[in-house]
């Protein structure tokens, strides 16, 4: 909708178009538990946290969800890797 004639101050090289005029910042979520480290995992319907989804760093996730041998304590939740938005 914003159509206008080219101006001498505009970029003159066709290969430079379309111009990137705005790039949003990546949202970096921190761990729901410690609020210190960046989230690496996200859980849904997890009974140990009051909200769903919940974001966890690896340390907090392992501490809350795994025993000393690294086995899950319970499996009635959904977990997957979290890729920052």
Protein backbone atom coordinates (compact mmCIF):
# COMPACT_ATOMS: atom_id res chain seq x y z
CA UNK A 1 0.00 0.00 0.00
CA UNK A 2 2.99 2.28 0.50
CA UNK A 3 3.96 2.97 -3.12
CA UNK A 4 6.17 5.85 -4.13
CA UNK A 5 8.76 6.82 -6.70
CA UNK A 6 12.40 6.08 -6.03
CA UNK A 7 14.38 8.91 -4.47
CA UNK A 8 18.12 9.60 -4.86
CA UNK A 9 18.62 8.84 -1.14
CA UNK A 10 17.06 5.35 -1.53
CA UNK A 11 19.19 2.28 -2.03
CA UNK A 12 19.82 2.09 -5.77
CA UNK A 13 20.79 -1.58 -6.07
CA UNK A 14 17.87 -3.83 -6.99
CA UNK A 15 19.52 -6.79 -5.22
CA UNK A 16 19.13 -4.98 -1.86
CA UNK A 17 15.33 -5.21 -2.03
CA UNK A 18 13.11 -5.99 -0.24
CA UNK A 19 14.63 -3.90 2.54
CA UNK A 20 14.58 -5.22 6.09
CA UNK A 21 13.25 -2.29 8.11
CA UNK A 22 12.49 -4.06 11.39
CA UNK A 23 13.62 -7.24 13.10
CA UNK A 24 12.05 -8.24 16.37
CA UNK A 25 14.25 -9.27 19.26
CA UNK A 26 14.36 -12.91 20.21
CA UNK A 27 12.51 -13.58 23.44
CA UNK A 28 14.70 -15.54 25.83
CA UNK A 29 12.66 -17.24 28.55
CA UNK A 30 14.25 -18.16 31.83
CA UNK A 31 13.60 -21.19 33.97
CA UNK A 32 10.27 -21.10 35.86
CA UNK A 33 11.91 -22.55 38.99
CA UNK A 34 15.25 -20.79 39.44
CA UNK A 35 14.69 -17.76 37.16
CA UNK A 36 18.46 -17.73 36.61
CA UNK A 37 19.27 -19.97 33.66
CA UNK A 38 17.71 -19.96 30.20
CA UNK A 39 14.99 -22.52 29.58
CA UNK A 40 15.99 -25.64 27.64
CA UNK A 41 12.81 -27.69 28.16
CA UNK A 42 9.10 -26.95 28.31
CA UNK A 43 6.48 -29.09 30.04
CA UNK A 44 2.70 -29.18 29.70
CA UNK A 45 0.27 -30.51 32.32
CA UNK A 46 3.09 -30.94 34.85
CA UNK A 47 1.75 -31.52 38.37
CA UNK A 48 4.81 -29.98 40.08
CA UNK A 49 4.30 -26.47 38.74
CA UNK A 50 1.27 -24.18 38.97
CA UNK A 51 1.20 -23.13 35.31
CA UNK A 52 1.22 -24.85 31.97
CA UNK A 53 3.40 -24.54 30.00
CA UNK A 54 6.35 -24.40 32.39
CA UNK A 55 9.89 -23.66 31.28
CA UNK A 56 12.91 -25.41 32.83
CA UNK A 57 16.67 -25.22 32.68
CA UNK A 58 18.28 -28.66 32.53
CA UNK A 59 19.39 -28.56 36.17
CA UNK A 60 15.93 -27.79 37.60
CA UNK A 61 14.20 -30.24 35.27
CA UNK A 62 16.51 -33.07 36.30
CA UNK A 63 16.23 -32.18 40.00
CA UNK A 64 12.42 -32.19 39.97
CA UNK A 65 11.68 -34.97 37.48
CA UNK A 66 14.45 -37.56 37.77
CA UNK A 67 15.80 -39.81 40.51
CA UNK A 68 19.49 -40.28 41.39
CA UNK A 69 19.85 -42.81 38.56
CA UNK A 70 18.40 -40.43 35.95
CA UNK A 71 15.03 -42.19 35.60
CA UNK A 72 11.83 -40.16 35.40
CA UNK A 73 9.84 -40.07 38.64
CA UNK A 74 6.52 -39.84 36.79
CA UNK A 75 5.42 -39.62 33.17
CA UNK A 76 1.95 -38.05 33.18
CA UNK A 77 3.15 -34.83 31.54
CA UNK A 78 4.40 -33.70 28.15
CA UNK A 79 7.98 -32.48 27.73
CA UNK A 80 9.86 -31.24 24.69
CA UNK A 81 12.89 -29.07 23.91
CA UNK A 82 12.30 -25.33 24.05
CA UNK A 83 13.57 -23.21 21.18
CA UNK A 84 13.57 -19.54 22.04
CA UNK A 85 11.00 -17.41 20.23
